[in-house]
Amino acid sequence: MPQANRRLGSLKLSLNLRTTGNNGSPYTITQNYFVQNHGRCG
């Protein structure tokens, strides 16, 4: 499912761009976002 993967990648990218600068760690911000919305699944 390359289209779904591309969509998820662009979603994460836009999320990172939107939140980068709060603590300088977009990966952590993205991880926290998914933990808050989907629980601890990986």
PDB file of N, CA and C in Angstrom:
ATOM      1  N   MET A   1       0.842  -1.194   0.000  1.00  0.00           N
ATOM      2  CA  MET A   1       0.000   0.000   0.000  1.00  0.00           C
ATOM      3  C   MET A   1       0.882   1.252   0.000  1.00  0.00           C
ATOM      4  N   PRO A   2       1.513   1.556  -1.110  1.00  0.00           N
ATOM      5  CA  PRO A   2       2.418   2.703  -1.164  1.00  0.00           C
ATOM      6  C   PRO A   2       1.699   4.036  -0.958  1.00  0.00           C
ATOM      7  N   GLN A   3       0.465   4.132  -1.438  1.00  0.00           N
ATOM      8  CA  GLN A   3      -0.268   5.394  -1.277  1.00  0.00           C
ATOM      9  C   GLN A   3      -0.551   5.677   0.192  1.00  0.00           C
ATOM     10  N   ALA A   4      -0.961   4.644   0.925  1.00  0.00           N
ATOM     11  CA  ALA A   4      -1.249   4.832   2.349  1.00  0.00           C
ATOM     12  C   ALA A   4       0.020   5.205   3.100  1.00  0.00           C
ATOM     13  N   ASN A   5       1.134   4.569   2.745  1.00  0.00           N
ATOM     14  CA  ASN A   5       2.395   4.883   3.416  1.00  0.00           C
ATOM     15  C   ASN A   5       2.806   6.315   3.125  1.00  0.00           C
ATOM     16  N   ARG A   6       2.624   6.737   1.877  1.00  0.00           N
ATOM     17  CA  ARG A   6       3.003   8.102   1.521  1.00  0.00           C
ATOM     18  C   ARG A   6       2.138   9.107   2.284  1.00  0.00           C
ATOM     19  N   ARG A   7       0.856   8.770   2.431  1.00  0.00           N
ATOM     20  CA  ARG A   7      -0.054   9.673   3.138  1.00  0.00           C
ATOM     21  C   ARG A   7       0.355   9.777   4.607  1.00  0.00           C
ATOM     22  N   LEU A   8       0.683   8.637   5.214  1.00  0.00           N
ATOM     23  CA  LEU A   8       1.100   8.637   6.616  1.00  0.00           C
ATOM     24  C   LEU A   8       2.404   9.417   6.768  1.00  0.00           C
ATOM     25  N   GLY A   9       3.334   9.245   5.822  1.00  0.00           N
ATOM     26  CA  GLY A   9       4.599   9.970   5.885  1.00  0.00           C
ATOM     27  C   GLY A   9       4.393  11.467   5.802  1.00  0.00           C
ATOM     28  N   SER A  10       3.515  11.908   4.898  1.00  0.00           N
ATOM     29  CA  SER A  10       3.261  13.346   4.751  1.00  0.00           C
ATOM     30  C   SER A  10       2.552  13.877   5.992  1.00  0.00           C
ATOM     31  N   LEU A  11       1.703  13.045   6.612  1.00  0.00           N
ATOM     32  CA  LEU A  11       1.022  13.468   7.833  1.00  0.00           C
ATOM     33  C   LEU A  11       2.040  13.690   8.947  1.00  0.00           C
ATOM     34  N   LYS A  12       2.979  12.746   9.102  1.00  0.00           N
ATOM     35  CA  LYS A  12       4.003  12.894  10.131  1.00  0.00           C
ATOM     36  C   LYS A  12       4.883  14.093   9.835  1.00  0.00           C
ATOM     37  N   LEU A  13       5.213  14.287   8.547  1.00  0.00           N
ATOM     38  CA  LEU A  13       6.074  15.400   8.166  1.00  0.00           C
ATOM     39  C   LEU A  13       5.406  16.726   8.505  1.00  0.00           C
ATOM     40  N   SER A  14       4.127  16.858   8.153  1.00  0.00           N
ATOM     41  CA  SER A  14       3.416  18.103   8.433  1.00  0.00           C
ATOM     42  C   SER A  14       3.298  18.314   9.939  1.00  0.00           C
ATOM     43  N   LEU A  15       3.094  17.215  10.685  1.00  0.00           N
ATOM     44  CA  LEU A  15       3.017  17.316  12.142  1.00  0.00           C
ATOM     45  C   LEU A  15       4.345  17.806  12.704  1.00  0.00           C
ATOM     46  N   ASN A  16       5.456  17.249  12.193  1.00  0.00           N
ATOM     47  CA  ASN A  16       6.777  17.669  12.646  1.00  0.00           C
ATOM     48  C   ASN A  16       7.018  19.137  12.336  1.00  0.00           C
ATOM     49  N   LEU A  17       6.680  19.561  11.106  1.00  0.00           N
ATOM     50  CA  LEU A  17       6.898  20.945  10.715  1.00  0.00           C
ATOM     51  C   LEU A  17       6.067  21.888  11.579  1.00  0.00           C
ATOM     52  N   ARG A  18       4.886  21.432  11.949  1.00  0.00           N
ATOM     53  CA  ARG A  18       3.982  22.293  12.712  1.00  0.00           C
ATOM     54  C   ARG A  18       4.444  22.433  14.160  1.00  0.00           C
ATOM     55  N   THR A  19       5.104  21.396  14.693  1.00  0.00           N
ATOM     56  CA  THR A  19       5.422  21.400  16.122  1.00  0.00           C
ATOM     57  C   THR A  19       6.917  21.551  16.394  1.00  0.00           C
ATOM     58  N   THR A  20       7.752  21.522  15.357  1.00  0.00           N
ATOM     59  CA  THR A  20       9.197  21.676  15.567  1.00  0.00           C
ATOM     60  C   THR A  20       9.491  23.063  16.142  1.00  0.00           C
ATOM     61  N   GLY A  21      10.309  23.114  17.180  1.00  0.00           N
ATOM     62  CA  GLY A  21      10.667  24.381  17.792  1.00  0.00           C
ATOM     63  C   GLY A  21      10.201  24.463  19.240  1.00  0.00           C
ATOM     64  N   ASN A  22       9.232  23.629  19.630  1.00  0.00           N
ATOM     65  CA  ASN A  22       8.761  23.640  21.012  1.00  0.00           C
ATOM     66  C   ASN A  22       9.864  23.157  21.949  1.00  0.00           C
ATOM     67  N   ASN A  23      10.475  22.026  21.586  1.00  0.00           N
ATOM     68  CA  ASN A  23      11.596  21.532  22.389  1.00  0.00           C
ATOM     69  C   ASN A  23      12.731  21.023  21.493  1.00  0.00           C
ATOM     70  N   GLY A  24      12.617  21.277  20.190  1.00  0.00           N
ATOM     71  CA  GLY A  24      13.679  20.908  19.268  1.00  0.00           C
ATOM     72  C   GLY A  24      13.764  19.422  19.002  1.00  0.00           C
ATOM     73  N   SER A  25      12.699  18.673  19.303  1.00  0.00           N
ATOM     74  CA  SER A  25      12.728  17.230  19.084  1.00  0.00           C
ATOM     75  C   SER A  25      11.428  16.778  18.421  1.00  0.00           C
ATOM     76  N   PRO A  26      11.326  16.932  17.094  1.00  0.00           N
ATOM     77  CA  PRO A  26      10.073  16.575  16.411  1.00  0.00           C
ATOM     78  C   PRO A  26       9.740  15.103  16.537  1.00  0.00           C
ATOM     79  N   TYR A  27      10.764  14.235  16.649  1.00  0.00           N
ATOM     80  CA  TYR A  27      10.491  12.800  16.798  1.00  0.00           C
ATOM     81  C   TYR A  27       9.751  12.532  18.101  1.00  0.00           C
ATOM     82  N   THR A  28      10.210  13.148  19.176  1.00  0.00           N
ATOM     83  CA  THR A  28       9.567  12.967  20.478  1.00  0.00           C
ATOM     84  C   THR A  28       8.152  13.514  20.455  1.00  0.00           C
ATOM     85  N   ILE A  29       7.981  14.670  19.803  1.00  0.00           N
ATOM     86  CA  ILE A  29       6.652  15.276  19.703  1.00  0.00           C
ATOM     87  C   ILE A  29       5.710  14.339  18.954  1.00  0.00           C
ATOM     88  N   THR A  30       6.198  13.765  17.833  1.00  0.00           N
ATOM     89  CA  THR A  30       5.373  12.838  17.056  1.00  0.00           C
ATOM     90  C   THR A  30       5.043  11.611  17.887  1.00  0.00           C
ATOM     91  N   GLN A  31       6.023  11.091  18.623  1.00  0.00           N
ATOM     92  CA  GLN A  31       5.799   9.912  19.455  1.00  0.00           C
ATOM     93  C   GLN A  31       4.736  10.212  20.504  1.00  0.00           C
ATOM     94  N   ASN A  32       4.841  11.364  21.152  1.00  0.00           N
ATOM     95  CA  ASN A  32       3.856  11.757  22.160  1.00  0.00           C
ATOM     96  C   ASN A  32       2.473  11.886  21.553  1.00  0.00           C
ATOM     97  N   TYR A  33       2.409  12.433  20.325  1.00  0.00           N
ATOM     98  CA  TYR A  33       1.138  12.603  19.637  1.00  0.00           C
ATOM     99  C   TYR A  33       0.453  11.260  19.431  1.00  0.00           C
ATOM    100  N   PHE A  34       1.233  10.257  18.950  1.00  0.00           N
ATOM    101  CA  PHE A  34       0.641   8.959  18.696  1.00  0.00           C
ATOM    102  C   PHE A  34       0.302   8.237  19.991  1.00  0.00           C
ATOM    103  N   VAL A  35       1.078   8.441  21.032  1.00  0.00           N
ATOM    104  CA  VAL A  35       0.763   7.830  22.325  1.00  0.00           C
ATOM    105  C   VAL A  35      -0.548   8.394  22.869  1.00  0.00           C
ATOM    106  N   GLN A  36      -0.733   9.713  22.725  1.00  0.00           N
ATOM    107  CA  GLN A  36      -1.945  10.345  23.248  1.00  0.00           C
ATOM    108  C   GLN A  36      -3.179   9.890  22.480  1.00  0.00           C
ATOM    109  N   ASN A  37      -3.025   9.655  21.159  1.00  0.00           N
ATOM    110  CA  ASN A  37      -4.192   9.382  20.327  1.00  0.00           C
ATOM    111  C   ASN A  37      -4.434   7.898  20.091  1.00  0.00           C
ATOM    112  N   HIS A  38      -3.388   7.065  20.258  1.00  0.00           N
ATOM    113  CA  HIS A  38      -3.538   5.649  19.928  1.00  0.00           C
ATOM    114  C   HIS A  38      -3.037   4.740  21.050  1.00  0.00           C
ATOM    115  N   GLY A  39      -2.720   5.291  22.187  1.00  0.00           N
ATOM    116  CA  GLY A  39      -2.217   4.470  23.273  1.00  0.00           C
ATOM    117  C   GLY A  39      -0.782   4.039  23.021  1.00  0.00           C
ATOM    118  N   ARG A  40      -0.262   3.168  23.893  1.00  0.00           N
ATOM    119  CA  ARG A  40       1.135   2.753  23.768  1.00  0.00           C
ATOM    120  C   ARG A  40       1.232   1.517  22.879  1.00  0.00           C
ATOM    121  N   CYS A  41       1.238   1.753  21.576  1.00  0.00           N
ATOM    122  CA  CYS A  41       1.364   0.635  20.638  1.00  0.00           C
ATOM    123  C   CYS A  41       2.640   0.817  19.827  1.00  0.00           C
ATOM    124  N   GLY A  42       3.768   0.531  20.439  1.00  0.00           N
ATOM    125  CA  GLY A  42       5.037   0.663  19.765  1.00  0.00           C
ATOM    126  C   GLY A  42       5.630   2.017  20.006  1.00  0.00           C
TER     127      GLY A  42
END
